[in-house]
C-alpha cells in the first residue's frame, strides 16, 4: 500500500495534515491551516511540491551526497 495524507484536528479549531508512509510511519506534519478547505488545498500543494520540488540539503554533512554522486555512489570520509 502506498502512503496517504491524514487530515487531523489541531488546537483552536485549526487543521493539520500528516503524511503517513505505506507501513504506517509518520513522515511529515504540516503547518496549521485555519479551515478544512485550506488544509485540502494544502494537500494538493504538497502533492505538487513532492512530485516536482528539488532536494535542498542544508544538513551538516550535505557534501556527502555530492561526493556520492561524483564517485559512483561511494561517499568519501572527510
PDB file of N, CA and C in Angstrom:
ATOM      1  N   UNK A   1       0.842  -1.186   0.000  1.00  0.00           N
ATOM      2  CA  UNK A   1       0.000   0.000   0.000  1.00  0.00           C
ATOM      3  C   UNK A   1       0.885   1.247   0.000  1.00  0.00           C
ATOM      4  N   UNK A   2       0.492   2.214  -0.761  1.00  0.00           N
ATOM      5  CA  UNK A   2       1.238   3.472  -0.774  1.00  0.00           C
ATOM      6  C   UNK A   2       0.837   4.313   0.439  1.00  0.00           C
ATOM      7  N   UNK A   3       1.566   5.377   0.650  1.00  0.00           N
ATOM      8  CA  UNK A   3       1.272   6.262   1.760  1.00  0.00           C
ATOM      9  C   UNK A   3      -0.006   7.053   1.529  1.00  0.00           C
ATOM     10  N   UNK A   4      -0.351   7.829   2.540  1.00  0.00           N
ATOM     11  CA  UNK A   4      -1.567   8.626   2.441  1.00  0.00           C
ATOM     12  C   UNK A   4      -1.458   9.879   3.294  1.00  0.00           C
ATOM     13  N   UNK A   5      -2.351  10.814   3.033  1.00  0.00           N
ATOM     14  CA  UNK A   5      -2.464  12.038   3.813  1.00  0.00           C
ATOM     15  C   UNK A   5      -3.587  11.856   4.825  1.00  0.00           C
ATOM     16  N   UNK A   6      -3.326  12.263   6.061  1.00  0.00           N
ATOM     17  CA  UNK A   6      -4.335  12.194   7.115  1.00  0.00           C
ATOM     18  C   UNK A   6      -4.654  13.617   7.545  1.00  0.00           C
ATOM     19  N   UNK A   7      -5.909  14.002   7.474  1.00  0.00           N
ATOM     20  CA  UNK A   7      -6.358  15.319   7.889  1.00  0.00           C
ATOM     21  C   UNK A   7      -6.800  15.207   9.347  1.00  0.00           C
ATOM     22  N   UNK A   8      -6.182  15.991  10.236  1.00  0.00           N
ATOM     23  CA  UNK A   8      -6.473  15.885  11.666  1.00  0.00           C
ATOM     24  C   UNK A   8      -6.784  17.254  12.260  1.00  0.00           C
ATOM     25  N   UNK A   9      -7.513  17.228  13.383  1.00  0.00           N
ATOM     26  CA  UNK A   9      -7.811  18.454  14.113  1.00  0.00           C
ATOM     27  C   UNK A   9      -6.562  18.946  14.832  1.00  0.00           C
ATOM     28  N   UNK A  10      -6.377  20.246  14.857  1.00  0.00           N
ATOM     29  CA  UNK A  10      -5.312  20.884  15.630  1.00  0.00           C
ATOM     30  C   UNK A  10      -5.998  21.762  16.680  1.00  0.00           C
ATOM     31  N   UNK A  11      -5.232  22.451  17.483  1.00  0.00           N
ATOM     32  CA  UNK A  11      -5.873  23.282  18.504  1.00  0.00           C
ATOM     33  C   UNK A  11      -6.512  24.519  17.900  1.00  0.00           C
ATOM     34  N   UNK A  12      -7.390  25.111  18.653  1.00  0.00           N
ATOM     35  CA  UNK A  12      -8.099  26.339  18.262  1.00  0.00           C
ATOM     36  C   UNK A  12      -8.937  26.177  17.000  1.00  0.00           C
ATOM     37  N   UNK A  13      -9.415  24.956  16.732  1.00  0.00           N
ATOM     38  CA  UNK A  13     -10.282  24.731  15.577  1.00  0.00           C
ATOM     39  C   UNK A  13      -9.564  24.639  14.252  1.00  0.00           C
ATOM     40  N   UNK A  14      -8.254  24.625  14.253  1.00  0.00           N
ATOM     41  CA  UNK A  14      -7.476  24.545  13.014  1.00  0.00           C
ATOM     42  C   UNK A  14      -7.295  23.078  12.612  1.00  0.00           C
ATOM     43  N   UNK A  15      -6.588  22.867  11.515  1.00  0.00           N
ATOM     44  CA  UNK A  15      -6.351  21.531  10.970  1.00  0.00           C
ATOM     45  C   UNK A  15      -4.884  21.358  10.609  1.00  0.00           C
ATOM     46  N   UNK A  16      -4.416  20.128  10.644  1.00  0.00           N
ATOM     47  CA  UNK A  16      -3.072  19.770  10.196  1.00  0.00           C
ATOM     48  C   UNK A  16      -3.184  18.590   9.238  1.00  0.00           C
ATOM     49  N   UNK A  17      -2.132  18.437   8.436  1.00  0.00           N
ATOM     50  CA  UNK A  17      -2.025  17.301   7.527  1.00  0.00           C
ATOM     51  C   UNK A  17      -0.859  16.454   8.007  1.00  0.00           C
ATOM     52  N   UNK A  18      -1.069  15.153   8.109  1.00  0.00           N
ATOM     53  CA  UNK A  18       0.021  14.229   8.417  1.00  0.00           C
ATOM     54  C   UNK A  18       0.241  13.356   7.191  1.00  0.00           C
ATOM     55  N   UNK A  19       1.488  13.191   6.803  1.00  0.00           N
ATOM     56  CA  UNK A  19       1.846  12.304   5.700  1.00  0.00           C
ATOM     57  C   UNK A  19       2.285  10.988   6.328  1.00  0.00           C
ATOM     58  N   UNK A  20       1.575   9.908   5.994  1.00  0.00           N
ATOM     59  CA  UNK A  20       1.817   8.598   6.570  1.00  0.00           C
ATOM     60  C   UNK A  20       2.344   7.669   5.473  1.00  0.00           C
ATOM     61  N   UNK A  21       3.436   6.941   5.774  1.00  0.00           N
ATOM     62  CA  UNK A  21       4.010   6.019   4.785  1.00  0.00           C
ATOM     63  C   UNK A  21       3.145   4.770   4.671  1.00  0.00           C
ATOM     64  N   UNK A  22       3.437   3.962   3.676  1.00  0.00           N
ATOM     65  CA  UNK A  22       2.686   2.735   3.455  1.00  0.00           C
ATOM     66  C   UNK A  22       2.732   1.771   4.619  1.00  0.00           C
ATOM     67  N   UNK A  23       3.807   1.825   5.414  1.00  0.00           N
ATOM     68  CA  UNK A  23       3.891   0.937   6.573  1.00  0.00           C
ATOM     69  C   UNK A  23       3.388   1.605   7.851  1.00  0.00           C
ATOM     70  N   UNK A  24       2.774   2.782   7.725  1.00  0.00           N
ATOM     71  CA  UNK A  24       2.152   3.449   8.858  1.00  0.00           C
ATOM     72  C   UNK A  24       3.028   4.422   9.615  1.00  0.00           C
ATOM     73  N   UNK A  25       4.250   4.643   9.156  1.00  0.00           N
ATOM     74  CA  UNK A  25       5.148   5.570   9.843  1.00  0.00           C
ATOM     75  C   UNK A  25       4.798   7.019   9.503  1.00  0.00           C
ATOM     76  N   UNK A  26       4.869   7.875  10.504  1.00  0.00           N
ATOM     77  CA  UNK A  26       4.652   9.308  10.300  1.00  0.00           C
ATOM     78  C   UNK A  26       5.858   9.881   9.575  1.00  0.00           C
ATOM     79  N   UNK A  27       5.641  10.481   8.412  1.00  0.00           N
ATOM     80  CA  UNK A  27       6.731  11.030   7.610  1.00  0.00           C
ATOM     81  C   UNK A  27       6.826  12.544   7.698  1.00  0.00           C
ATOM     82  N   UNK A  28       5.699  13.229   7.863  1.00  0.00           N
ATOM     83  CA  UNK A  28       5.706  14.692   7.916  1.00  0.00           C
ATOM     84  C   UNK A  28       4.418  15.191   8.559  1.00  0.00           C
ATOM     85  N   UNK A  29       4.520  16.357   9.181  1.00  0.00           N
ATOM     86  CA  UNK A  29       3.361  17.040   9.753  1.00  0.00           C
ATOM     87  C   UNK A  29       3.382  18.471   9.226  1.00  0.00           C
ATOM     88  N   UNK A  30       2.259  18.936   8.759  1.00  0.00           N
ATOM     89  CA  UNK A  30       2.175  20.269   8.161  1.00  0.00           C
ATOM     90  C   UNK A  30       2.074  21.365   9.208  1.00  0.00           C
ATOM     91  N   UNK A  31       2.151  22.569   8.708  1.00  0.00           N
ATOM     92  CA  UNK A  31       1.774  23.741   9.497  1.00  0.00           C
ATOM     93  C   UNK A  31       0.266  23.685   9.723  1.00  0.00           C
ATOM     94  N   UNK A  32      -0.249  24.553  10.563  1.00  0.00           N
ATOM     95  CA  UNK A  32      -1.693  24.570  10.801  1.00  0.00           C
ATOM     96  C   UNK A  32      -2.408  25.344   9.691  1.00  0.00           C
ATOM     97  N   UNK A  33      -3.583  24.857   9.367  1.00  0.00           N
ATOM     98  CA  UNK A  33      -4.459  25.513   8.399  1.00  0.00           C
ATOM     99  C   UNK A  33      -5.705  25.976   9.141  1.00  0.00           C
ATOM    100  N   UNK A  34      -6.199  27.185   8.857  1.00  0.00           N
ATOM    101  CA  UNK A  34      -7.339  27.719   9.616  1.00  0.00           C
ATOM    102  C   UNK A  34      -8.667  27.020   9.327  1.00  0.00           C
ATOM    103  N   UNK A  35      -8.802  26.450   8.125  1.00  0.00           N
ATOM    104  CA  UNK A  35     -10.055  25.788   7.751  1.00  0.00           C
ATOM    105  C   UNK A  35      -9.757  24.439   7.103  1.00  0.00           C
ATOM    106  N   UNK A  36     -10.770  23.595   7.066  1.00  0.00           N
ATOM    107  CA  UNK A  36     -10.612  22.301   6.404  1.00  0.00           C
ATOM    108  C   UNK A  36     -10.376  22.499   4.908  1.00  0.00           C
ATOM    109  N   UNK A  37     -11.041  23.479   4.325  1.00  0.00           N
ATOM    110  CA  UNK A  37     -10.846  23.762   2.900  1.00  0.00           C
ATOM    111  C   UNK A  37      -9.404  24.168   2.620  1.00  0.00           C
ATOM    112  N   UNK A  38      -8.810  24.963   3.497  1.00  0.00           N
ATOM    113  CA  UNK A  38      -7.415  25.367   3.321  1.00  0.00           C
ATOM    114  C   UNK A  38      -6.491  24.154   3.456  1.00  0.00           C
ATOM    115  N   UNK A  39      -6.810  23.239   4.362  1.00  0.00           N
ATOM    116  CA  UNK A  39      -6.000  22.030   4.532  1.00  0.00           C
ATOM    117  C   UNK A  39      -6.075  21.144   3.291  1.00  0.00           C
ATOM    118  N   UNK A  40      -7.247  21.008   2.723  1.00  0.00           N
ATOM    119  CA  UNK A  40      -7.401  20.211   1.497  1.00  0.00           C
ATOM    120  C   UNK A  40      -6.595  20.848   0.362  1.00  0.00           C
ATOM    121  N   UNK A  41      -6.623  22.170   0.256  1.00  0.00           N
ATOM    122  CA  UNK A  41      -5.804  22.857  -0.743  1.00  0.00           C
ATOM    123  C   UNK A  41      -4.321  22.630  -0.441  1.00  0.00           C
ATOM    124  N   UNK A  42      -3.961  22.568   0.843  1.00  0.00           N
ATOM    125  CA  UNK A  42      -2.580  22.274   1.233  1.00  0.00           C
ATOM    126  C   UNK A  42      -2.139  20.893   0.796  1.00  0.00           C
ATOM    127  N   UNK A  43      -3.044  19.923   0.855  1.00  0.00           N
ATOM    128  CA  UNK A  43      -2.726  18.569   0.378  1.00  0.00           C
ATOM    129  C   UNK A  43      -2.402  18.602  -1.105  1.00  0.00           C
ATOM    130  N   UNK A  44      -3.187  19.314  -1.871  1.00  0.00           N
ATOM    131  CA  UNK A  44      -2.929  19.419  -3.311  1.00  0.00           C
ATOM    132  C   UNK A  44      -1.576  20.075  -3.574  1.00  0.00           C
ATOM    133  N   UNK A  45      -1.255  21.101  -2.814  1.00  0.00           N
ATOM    134  CA  UNK A  45       0.036  21.774  -2.971  1.00  0.00           C
ATOM    135  C   UNK A  45       1.173  20.834  -2.574  1.00  0.00           C
ATOM    136  N   UNK A  46       1.008  20.085  -1.493  1.00  0.00           N
ATOM    137  CA  UNK A  46       2.038  19.130  -1.069  1.00  0.00           C
ATOM    138  C   UNK A  46       2.274  18.075  -2.143  1.00  0.00           C
ATOM    139  N   UNK A  47       1.210  17.599  -2.777  1.00  0.00           N
ATOM    140  CA  UNK A  47       1.363  16.623  -3.862  1.00  0.00           C
ATOM    141  C   UNK A  47       2.190  17.201  -5.001  1.00  0.00           C
ATOM    142  N   UNK A  48       1.911  18.444  -5.356  1.00  0.00           N
ATOM    143  CA  UNK A  48       2.646  19.085  -6.446  1.00  0.00           C
ATOM    144  C   UNK A  48       4.112  19.289  -6.075  1.00  0.00           C
ATOM    145  N   UNK A  49       4.360  19.801  -4.876  1.00  0.00           N
ATOM    146  CA  UNK A  49       5.732  20.053  -4.440  1.00  0.00           C
ATOM    147  C   UNK A  49       6.522  18.749  -4.368  1.00  0.00           C
ATOM    148  N   UNK A  50       5.910  17.713  -3.790  1.00  0.00           N
ATOM    149  CA  UNK A  50       6.609  16.434  -3.628  1.00  0.00           C
ATOM    150  C   UNK A  50       6.989  15.831  -4.972  1.00  0.00           C
ATOM    151  N   UNK A  51       6.173  16.048  -5.976  1.00  0.00           N
ATOM    152  CA  UNK A  51       6.442  15.473  -7.283  1.00  0.00           C
ATOM    153  C   UNK A  51       7.421  16.264  -8.133  1.00  0.00           C
ATOM    154  N   UNK A  52       7.589  17.544  -7.822  1.00  0.00           N
ATOM    155  CA  UNK A  52       8.404  18.384  -8.695  1.00  0.00           C
ATOM    156  C   UNK A  52       9.509  19.160  -7.981  1.00  0.00           C
ATOM    157  N   UNK A  53       9.460  19.230  -6.670  1.00  0.00           N
ATOM    158  CA  UNK A  53      10.408  20.067  -5.934  1.00  0.00           C
ATOM    159  C   UNK A  53      11.791  19.450  -5.835  1.00  0.00           C
ATOM    160  N   UNK A  54      12.826  20.278  -5.906  1.00  0.00           N
ATOM    161  CA  UNK A  54      14.192  19.773  -5.766  1.00  0.00           C
ATOM    162  C   UNK A  54      14.503  19.475  -4.292  1.00  0.00           C
ATOM    163  N   UNK A  55      15.544  18.717  -4.060  1.00  0.00           N
ATOM    164  CA  UNK A  55      16.034  18.467  -2.710  1.00  0.00           C
ATOM    165  C   UNK A  55      17.075  19.535  -2.391  1.00  0.00           C
ATOM    166  N   UNK A  56      16.888  20.259  -1.303  1.00  0.00           N
ATOM    167  CA  UNK A  56      17.842  21.261  -0.853  1.00  0.00           C
ATOM    168  C   UNK A  56      18.402  20.750   0.469  1.00  0.00           C
ATOM    169  N   UNK A  57      19.618  20.262   0.436  1.00  0.00           N
ATOM    170  CA  UNK A  57      20.247  19.653   1.607  1.00  0.00           C
ATOM    171  C   UNK A  57      21.020  20.705   2.380  1.00  0.00           C
ATOM    172  N   UNK A  58      20.511  21.086   3.536  1.00  0.00           N
ATOM    173  CA  UNK A  58      21.174  22.067   4.387  1.00  0.00           C
ATOM    174  C   UNK A  58      21.707  21.412   5.657  1.00  0.00           C
ATOM    175  N   UNK A  59      21.891  20.095   5.623  1.00  0.00           N
ATOM    176  CA  UNK A  59      22.400  19.376   6.784  1.00  0.00           C
ATOM    177  C   UNK A  59      23.895  19.599   6.935  1.00  0.00           C
ATOM    178  N   UNK A  60      24.416  19.255   8.111  1.00  0.00           N
ATOM    179  CA  UNK A  60      25.834  19.490   8.371  1.00  0.00           C
ATOM    180  C   UNK A  60      26.749  18.645   7.492  1.00  0.00           C
ATOM    181  N   UNK A  61      26.240  17.528   6.960  1.00  0.00           N
ATOM    182  CA  UNK A  61      27.061  16.687   6.080  1.00  0.00           C
ATOM    183  C   UNK A  61      26.537  16.697   4.643  1.00  0.00           C
ATOM    184  N   UNK A  62      26.075  17.844   4.200  1.00  0.00           N
ATOM    185  CA  UNK A  62      25.476  17.973   2.874  1.00  0.00           C
ATOM    186  C   UNK A  62      26.431  17.555   1.762  1.00  0.00           C
ATOM    187  N   UNK A  63      27.727  17.695   1.955  1.00  0.00           N
ATOM    188  CA  UNK A  63      28.685  17.354   0.911  1.00  0.00           C
ATOM    189  C   UNK A  63      28.755  15.856   0.646  1.00  0.00           C
ATOM    190  N   UNK A  64      28.257  15.026   1.543  1.00  0.00           N
ATOM    191  CA  UNK A  64      28.288  13.571   1.351  1.00  0.00           C
ATOM    192  C   UNK A  64      27.474  13.174   0.125  1.00  0.00           C
ATOM    193  N   UNK A  65      26.319  13.784  -0.080  1.00  0.00           N
ATOM    194  CA  UNK A  65      25.507  13.464  -1.255  1.00  0.00           C
ATOM    195  C   UNK A  65      26.228  13.856  -2.530  1.00  0.00           C
ATOM    196  N   UNK A  66      26.851  15.007  -2.536  1.00  0.00           N
ATOM    197  CA  UNK A  66      27.610  15.441  -3.707  1.00  0.00           C
ATOM    198  C   UNK A  66      28.772  14.516  -3.976  1.00  0.00           C
ATOM    199  N   UNK A  67      29.495  14.105  -2.934  1.00  0.00           N
ATOM    200  CA  UNK A  67      30.617  13.177  -3.093  1.00  0.00           C
ATOM    201  C   UNK A  67      30.134  11.850  -3.656  1.00  0.00           C
ATOM    202  N   UNK A  68      29.008  11.365  -3.170  1.00  0.00           N
ATOM    203  CA  UNK A  68      28.485  10.075  -3.628  1.00  0.00           C
ATOM    204  C   UNK A  68      28.139  10.121  -5.111  1.00  0.00           C
ATOM    205  N   UNK A  69      27.544  11.213  -5.565  1.00  0.00           N
ATOM    206  CA  UNK A  69      27.159  11.285  -6.972  1.00  0.00           C
ATOM    207  C   UNK A  69      28.378  11.421  -7.887  1.00  0.00           C
ATOM    208  N   UNK A  70      29.481  11.961  -7.379  1.00  0.00           N
ATOM    209  CA  UNK A  70      30.691  12.104  -8.185  1.00  0.00           C
ATOM    210  C   UNK A  70      31.584  10.870  -8.145  1.00  0.00           C
ATOM    211  N   UNK A  71      31.311   9.936  -7.215  1.00  0.00           N
ATOM    212  CA  UNK A  71      32.184   8.778  -7.029  1.00  0.00           C
ATOM    213  C   UNK A  71      31.426   7.461  -7.151  1.00  0.00           C
ATOM    214  N   UNK A  72      30.564   7.366  -8.138  1.00  0.00           N
ATOM    215  CA  UNK A  72      29.832   6.120  -8.388  1.00  0.00           C
ATOM    216  C   UNK A  72      29.106   5.612  -7.143  1.00  0.00           C
ATOM    217  N   UNK A  73      28.536   6.531  -6.349  1.00  0.00           N
ATOM    218  CA  UNK A  73      27.760   6.132  -5.194  1.00  0.00           C
ATOM    219  C   UNK A  73      28.536   5.889  -3.919  1.00  0.00           C
ATOM    220  N   UNK A  74      29.852   6.048  -3.972  1.00  0.00           N
ATOM    221  CA  UNK A  74      30.666   5.834  -2.764  1.00  0.00           C
ATOM    222  C   UNK A  74      31.097   7.172  -2.190  1.00  0.00           C
ATOM    223  N   UNK A  75      30.602   7.483  -1.000  1.00  0.00           N
ATOM    224  CA  UNK A  75      30.979   8.736  -0.350  1.00  0.00           C
ATOM    225  C   UNK A  75      32.361   8.595   0.258  1.00  0.00           C
ATOM    226  N   UNK A  76      33.123   9.672   0.234  1.00  0.00           N
ATOM    227  CA  UNK A  76      34.443   9.686   0.850  1.00  0.00           C
ATOM    228  C   UNK A  76      34.332  10.180   2.274  1.00  0.00           C
ATOM    229  N   UNK A  77      35.082   9.607   3.173  1.00  0.00           N
ATOM    230  CA  UNK A  77      35.153  10.084   4.551  1.00  0.00           C
ATOM    231  C   UNK A  77      35.987  11.346   4.580  1.00  0.00           C
ATOM    232  N   UNK A  78      35.563  12.302   5.384  1.00  0.00           N
ATOM    233  CA  UNK A  78      36.314  13.562   5.489  1.00  0.00           C
ATOM    234  C   UNK A  78      37.238  13.541   6.657  1.00  0.00           C
TER     235      UNK A  78
END
